[in-house]
Amino acid sequence: MSVLSPAALLLLLLTTTHATLAHALLGRTWRQLPIFWVAAAAGCLIATVLGWRFPLNLPTPAGVPMLEASLLAWVVLIVVSRLRL
């Protein structure tokens, strides 16, 4: 039996992918990696919980709006990367 639902697993993978890529592009120290992960998770979760959808007929695997979650995650990641942490 699976411990995580498909939506939770997809959000976890999406968050980790965006945080790792943002750290590779924008990060300066290893200390920022967990901060980037939390920021990406916040962006993905906000888009999913609020049900933010573009008026396009895009697929939402497991009910996760992939494009919207990715865009909001990157907005939060860019804001966090500009802070002096």
Protein backbone atom coordinates (compact mmCIF):
# COMPACT_ATOMS: atom_id res chain seq x y z
CA MET A 1 0.00 0.00 0.00
CA SER A 2 1.30 3.43 -0.91
CA VAL A 3 2.04 5.87 1.87
CA LEU A 4 1.74 8.97 -0.32
CA SER A 5 -1.17 9.83 -2.55
CA PRO A 6 -0.35 10.46 -6.22
CA ALA A 7 -0.96 14.21 -5.80
CA ALA A 8 1.36 14.44 -2.80
CA LEU A 9 4.08 12.49 -4.59
CA LEU A 10 3.76 14.68 -7.68
CA LEU A 11 3.96 17.85 -5.58
CA LEU A 12 7.02 16.49 -3.76
CA LEU A 13 8.78 15.73 -7.04
CA LEU A 14 7.81 19.07 -8.55
CA THR A 15 9.01 20.94 -5.47
CA THR A 16 12.32 19.10 -5.33
CA THR A 17 12.96 19.62 -9.04
CA HIS A 18 12.30 23.35 -8.92
CA ALA A 19 14.30 23.86 -5.71
CA THR A 20 17.29 21.98 -7.10
CA LEU A 21 17.23 23.86 -10.39
CA ALA A 22 16.82 27.21 -8.63
CA HIS A 23 19.73 26.44 -6.34
CA ALA A 24 21.89 25.49 -9.32
CA LEU A 25 21.01 28.76 -11.09
CA LEU A 26 20.57 31.25 -8.25
CA GLY A 27 22.09 29.75 -5.12
CA ARG A 28 25.42 30.70 -3.60
CA THR A 29 25.73 28.48 -0.52
CA TRP A 30 24.53 25.05 0.54
CA ARG A 31 22.63 26.69 3.36
CA GLN A 32 20.20 28.12 0.79
CA LEU A 33 19.08 24.73 -0.55
CA PRO A 34 16.57 23.98 2.25
CA ILE A 35 15.31 27.56 2.04
CA PHE A 36 14.75 27.15 -1.70
CA TRP A 37 12.97 23.85 -1.08
CA VAL A 38 10.57 25.45 1.41
CA ALA A 39 9.96 28.35 -0.98
CA ALA A 40 9.21 26.01 -3.90
CA ALA A 41 6.93 23.93 -1.69
CA ALA A 42 5.05 27.06 -0.62
CA GLY A 43 4.54 28.15 -4.22
CA CYS A 44 3.35 24.72 -5.36
CA LEU A 45 1.04 24.28 -2.39
CA ILE A 46 -0.50 27.75 -2.66
CA ALA A 47 -1.33 27.21 -6.34
CA THR A 48 -2.79 23.78 -5.62
CA VAL A 49 -4.78 24.68 -2.51
CA LEU A 50 -6.24 27.84 -4.03
CA GLY A 51 -7.11 25.96 -7.22
CA TRP A 52 -5.39 28.55 -9.37
CA ARG A 53 -6.06 27.65 -13.02
CA PHE A 54 -5.42 29.41 -16.29
CA PRO A 55 -8.41 29.47 -18.65
CA LEU A 56 -6.73 26.80 -20.79
CA ASN A 57 -7.61 23.17 -21.15
CA LEU A 58 -4.34 21.85 -19.71
CA PRO A 59 -4.06 18.41 -18.14
CA THR A 60 -3.89 18.24 -14.36
CA PRO A 61 -2.41 14.90 -13.38
CA ALA A 62 -3.70 13.78 -9.97
CA GLY A 63 -5.51 17.13 -9.72
CA VAL A 64 -2.27 19.13 -9.58
CA PRO A 65 -2.15 22.19 -11.85
CA MET A 66 1.42 21.65 -13.10
CA LEU A 67 1.91 24.90 -15.03
CA GLU A 68 0.34 27.12 -12.40
CA ALA A 69 2.18 25.44 -9.53
CA SER A 70 5.48 25.73 -11.40
CA LEU A 71 4.97 29.40 -12.19
CA LEU A 72 4.04 30.33 -8.63
CA ALA A 73 6.94 28.26 -7.27
CA TRP A 74 9.37 30.20 -9.49
CA VAL A 75 7.89 33.54 -8.47
CA VAL A 76 8.43 32.65 -4.80
CA LEU A 77 11.90 31.26 -5.54
CA ILE A 78 12.99 34.44 -7.30
CA VAL A 79 11.72 36.57 -4.43
CA VAL A 80 13.56 34.39 -1.91
CA SER A 81 16.76 34.40 -3.95
CA ARG A 82 16.82 38.19 -3.88
CA LEU A 83 16.74 38.22 -0.07
CA ARG A 84 20.08 38.20 1.73
CA LEU A 85 19.89 34.80 3.43
